[in-house]
C-alpha atoms as a PDB file:
ATOM      1  CA  MET A   1     -11.052  -2.943   1.175  1.00  0.00           C
ATOM      2  CA  LEU A   2      -8.507   0.065   0.699  1.00  0.00           C
ATOM      3  CA  THR A   3     -11.084   2.083  -1.496  1.00  0.00           C
ATOM      4  CA  GLU A   4     -13.835   1.393   1.514  1.00  0.00           C
ATOM      5  CA  TYR A   5     -11.155   2.658   3.857  1.00  0.00           C
ATOM      6  CA  LEU A   6     -10.605   5.670   1.527  1.00  0.00           C
ATOM      7  CA  ARG A   7     -14.056   6.473   1.323  1.00  0.00           C
ATOM      8  CA  SER A   8     -14.793   6.265   5.131  1.00  0.00           C
ATOM      9  CA  ALA A   9     -11.925   8.723   5.532  1.00  0.00           C
ATOM     10  CA  GLY A  10     -13.916  11.031   3.351  1.00  0.00           C
ATOM     11  CA  TYR A  11     -11.961  10.968   0.198  1.00  0.00           C
ATOM     12  CA  ALA A  12     -13.901  11.803  -3.211  1.00  0.00           C
ATOM     13  CA  PRO A  13     -14.325   8.741  -5.425  1.00  0.00           C
ATOM     14  CA  ALA A  14     -12.091  10.808  -7.940  1.00  0.00           C
ATOM     15  CA  HIS A  15      -9.318  11.107  -5.711  1.00  0.00           C
ATOM     16  CA  ILE A  16      -9.416   7.530  -4.680  1.00  0.00           C
ATOM     17  CA  SER A  17      -9.214   6.186  -8.241  1.00  0.00           C
ATOM     18  CA  ALA A  18      -6.395   8.638  -8.922  1.00  0.00           C
ATOM     19  CA  ALA A  19      -4.455   7.612  -6.048  1.00  0.00           C
ATOM     20  CA  LEU A  20      -5.090   3.663  -6.665  1.00  0.00           C
ATOM     21  CA  HIS A  21      -4.029   4.239 -10.342  1.00  0.00           C
ATOM     22  CA  LYS A  22      -0.869   5.714  -9.332  1.00  0.00           C
ATOM     23  CA  LEU A  23      -0.200   3.067  -6.787  1.00  0.00           C
ATOM     24  CA  ARG A  24      -0.719   0.387  -9.178  1.00  0.00           C
ATOM     25  CA  THR A  25       1.336   1.892 -11.598  1.00  0.00           C
ATOM     26  CA  GLU A  26       4.239   2.567  -9.541  1.00  0.00           C
ATOM     27  CA  ALA A  27       4.226  -0.910  -7.746  1.00  0.00           C
ATOM     28  CA  ASN A  28       4.602  -2.709 -11.359  1.00  0.00           C
ATOM     29  CA  HIS A  29       6.439   0.280 -13.390  1.00  0.00           C
ATOM     30  CA  PRO A  30       8.224  -1.738 -16.349  1.00  0.00           C
ATOM     31  CA  GLY A  31      10.816   0.851 -16.450  1.00  0.00           C
ATOM     32  CA  CYS A  32      12.170   0.270 -12.817  1.00  0.00           C
ATOM     33  CA  ALA A  33      13.770  -2.770 -10.900  1.00  0.00           C
ATOM     34  CA  LEU A  34      11.990  -4.359  -8.005  1.00  0.00           C
ATOM     35  CA  LEU A  35      13.939  -2.399  -5.661  1.00  0.00           C
ATOM     36  CA  GLY A  36      13.024   1.015  -7.272  1.00  0.00           C
ATOM     37  CA  ASN A  37       9.287   0.102  -7.192  1.00  0.00           C
ATOM     38  CA  ASN A  38       9.470  -0.859  -3.911  1.00  0.00           C
ATOM     39  CA  GLN A  39      11.165   2.357  -2.830  1.00  0.00           C
ATOM     40  CA  VAL A  40       8.566   4.449  -4.949  1.00  0.00           C
ATOM     41  CA  VAL A  41       5.747   2.506  -3.367  1.00  0.00           C
ATOM     42  CA  TYR A  42       7.201   2.845   0.400  1.00  0.00           C
ATOM     43  CA  GLN A  43       7.154   6.784  -0.059  1.00  0.00           C
ATOM     44  CA  LEU A  44       3.168   6.470  -1.325  1.00  0.00           C
ATOM     45  CA  LEU A  45       2.407   4.472   1.594  1.00  0.00           C
ATOM     46  CA  ARG A  46       4.339   6.346   4.032  1.00  0.00           C
ATOM     47  CA  TYR A  47       3.597   9.912   2.970  1.00  0.00           C
ATOM     48  CA  GLY A  48       0.522   9.712   0.753  1.00  0.00           C
ATOM     49  CA  VAL A  49      -0.361   9.599  -2.957  1.00  0.00           C
ATOM     50  CA  PRO A  50      -0.616  12.872  -4.620  1.00  0.00           C
ATOM     51  CA  ALA A  51      -3.732  12.703  -6.599  1.00  0.00           C
ATOM     52  CA  GLN A  52      -4.821  15.068  -9.255  1.00  0.00           C
ATOM     53  CA  THR A  53      -8.416  14.773 -10.941  1.00  0.00           C
ATOM     54  CA  GLU A  54      -8.021  16.826 -13.742  1.00  0.00           C
ATOM     55  CA  ALA A  55      -5.757  19.401 -15.359  1.00  0.00           C
ATOM     56  CA  GLY A  56      -5.266  22.671 -13.434  1.00  0.00           C
ATOM     57  CA  ALA A  57      -7.130  21.184 -10.211  1.00  0.00           C
ATOM     58  CA  MET A  58      -5.530  21.184  -6.777  1.00  0.00           C
ATOM     59  CA  THR A  59      -3.661  18.104  -6.040  1.00  0.00           C
ATOM     60  CA  GLN A  60      -4.792  16.318  -2.998  1.00  0.00           C
ATOM     61  CA  THR A  61      -2.515  14.111  -0.922  1.00  0.00           C
ATOM     62  CA  VAL A  62      -4.323  10.852  -0.215  1.00  0.00           C
ATOM     63  CA  HIS A  63      -3.170   9.104   2.932  1.00  0.00           C
ATOM     64  CA  LEU A  64      -3.350   5.139   2.582  1.00  0.00           C
ATOM     65  CA  PHE A  65      -2.660   4.932   6.441  1.00  0.00           C
ATOM     66  CA  ASP A  66      -3.822   6.881   9.592  1.00  0.00           C
ATOM     67  CA  TRP A  67      -0.303   7.141  10.912  1.00  0.00           C
ATOM     68  CA  LYS A  68      -1.578   9.321  13.909  1.00  0.00           C
ATOM     69  CA  ALA A  69      -4.567   6.900  14.954  1.00  0.00           C
ATOM     70  CA  PRO A  70      -3.404   3.406  13.751  1.00  0.00           C
ATOM     71  CA  GLU A  71      -6.608   1.644  15.119  1.00  0.00           C
ATOM     72  CA  LYS A  72      -8.641   3.701  12.124  1.00  0.00           C
ATOM     73  CA  ASN A  73      -6.780   1.475   9.499  1.00  0.00           C
ATOM     74  CA  HIS A  74      -8.505  -1.482   8.018  1.00  0.00           C
ATOM     75  CA  PHE A  75      -6.434  -4.796   8.023  1.00  0.00           C
ATOM     76  CA  ALA A  76      -7.195  -8.045   6.663  1.00  0.00           C
ATOM     77  CA  LEU A  77      -5.080 -11.346   7.303  1.00  0.00           C
ATOM     78  CA  ALA A  78      -4.597 -13.867   4.285  1.00  0.00           C
ATOM     79  CA  GLU A  79      -2.952 -17.354   4.143  1.00  0.00           C
ATOM     80  CA  GLU A  80      -0.763 -18.264   1.029  1.00  0.00           C
ATOM     81  CA  VAL A  81      -1.816 -15.115  -1.238  1.00  0.00           C
ATOM     82  CA  ALA A  82       0.079 -15.253  -4.548  1.00  0.00           C
ATOM     83  CA  LEU A  83       1.526 -11.843  -5.277  1.00  0.00           C
ATOM     84  CA  HIS A  84       1.766 -11.251  -8.907  1.00  0.00           C
ATOM     85  CA  GLY A  85       3.983  -8.615 -10.778  1.00  0.00           C
ATOM     86  CA  LYS A  86       7.418  -9.142 -12.393  1.00  0.00           C
ATOM     87  CA  GLN A  87       8.180 -11.588  -9.865  1.00  0.00           C
ATOM     88  CA  GLN A  88       5.538 -14.170  -8.565  1.00  0.00           C
ATOM     89  CA  ARG A  89       5.805 -14.508  -4.658  1.00  0.00           C
ATOM     90  CA  ARG A  90       3.932 -16.432  -2.366  1.00  0.00           C
ATOM     91  CA  PRO A  91       4.456 -15.143   1.478  1.00  0.00           C
ATOM     92  CA  ASP A  92       2.674 -17.759   3.979  1.00  0.00           C
ATOM     93  CA  LEU A  93       0.538 -14.857   5.531  1.00  0.00           C
ATOM     94  CA  VAL A  94      -0.175 -11.378   4.358  1.00  0.00           C
ATOM     95  CA  LEU A  95      -1.403  -9.046   6.820  1.00  0.00           C
ATOM     96  CA  SER A  96      -3.065  -6.481   4.368  1.00  0.00           C
ATOM     97  CA  PRO A  97      -1.678  -3.735   3.576  1.00  0.00           C
ATOM     98  CA  ALA A  98       1.845  -3.833   5.303  1.00  0.00           C
ATOM     99  CA  VAL A  99       3.041  -6.928   6.336  1.00  0.00           C
ATOM    100  CA  LEU A 100       4.243 -10.354   5.037  1.00  0.00           C
ATOM    101  CA  ALA A 101       5.348 -13.148   7.018  1.00  0.00           C
ATOM    102  CA  GLU A 102       7.319 -16.333   5.903  1.00  0.00           C
ATOM    103  CA  ARG A 103       7.240 -19.669   7.846  1.00  0.00           C
ATOM    104  CA  THR A 104      10.522 -21.347   8.474  1.00  0.00           C
ATOM    105  CA  GLY A 105      10.126 -24.420  10.175  1.00  0.00           C
ATOM    106  CA  ALA A 106       7.833 -23.804  13.550  1.00  0.00           C
ATOM    107  CA  GLN A 107       8.709 -19.847  13.540  1.00  0.00           C
ATOM    108  CA  PHE A 108       7.326 -17.240  11.368  1.00  0.00           C
ATOM    109  CA  VAL A 109       9.667 -14.540   9.951  1.00  0.00           C
ATOM    110  CA  VAL A 110       7.831 -11.181   9.688  1.00  0.00           C
ATOM    111  CA  HIS A 111       8.830  -8.667   7.063  1.00  0.00           C
ATOM    112  CA  GLN A 112       7.225  -5.195   7.802  1.00  0.00           C
ATOM    113  CA  ALA A 113       6.718  -3.550   4.484  1.00  0.00           C
ATOM    114  CA  VAL A 114       6.161   0.017   6.071  1.00  0.00           C
ATOM    115  CA  ALA A 115       8.093   1.355   9.008  1.00  0.00           C
ATOM    116  CA  VAL A 116       5.443   2.658  11.545  1.00  0.00           C
ATOM    117  CA  PRO A 117       6.870   6.323  12.387  1.00  0.00           C
ATOM    118  CA  GLU A 118       7.473   7.240  15.926  1.00  0.00           C
ATOM    119  CA  ALA A 119       5.244   9.654  17.446  1.00  0.00           C
END
């Protein structure tokens, strides 16, 4: 879904591949604790992923979200998704790509993974 969105936003396949590789690498970086990984991933989600396709080539920032026009972003809703990594988690709902929801009794507690910037 993210690849499809990035293609529709006009990014070249090589930049998409480089950006997604960096995002996956930072999300599961073995040398960092969970908090450190989350901080780096937040920065990439918020400000974009610098992607270089070959040595000496210009770096292009691949923006994973369109913050200026949020309606252009692609989202999906999933229930009971297992999130794997150093720690396995199973939130009740995942609104991809930025919101996790946990059910506590009859209510949902929403964890916003990325703060939406103010205009």
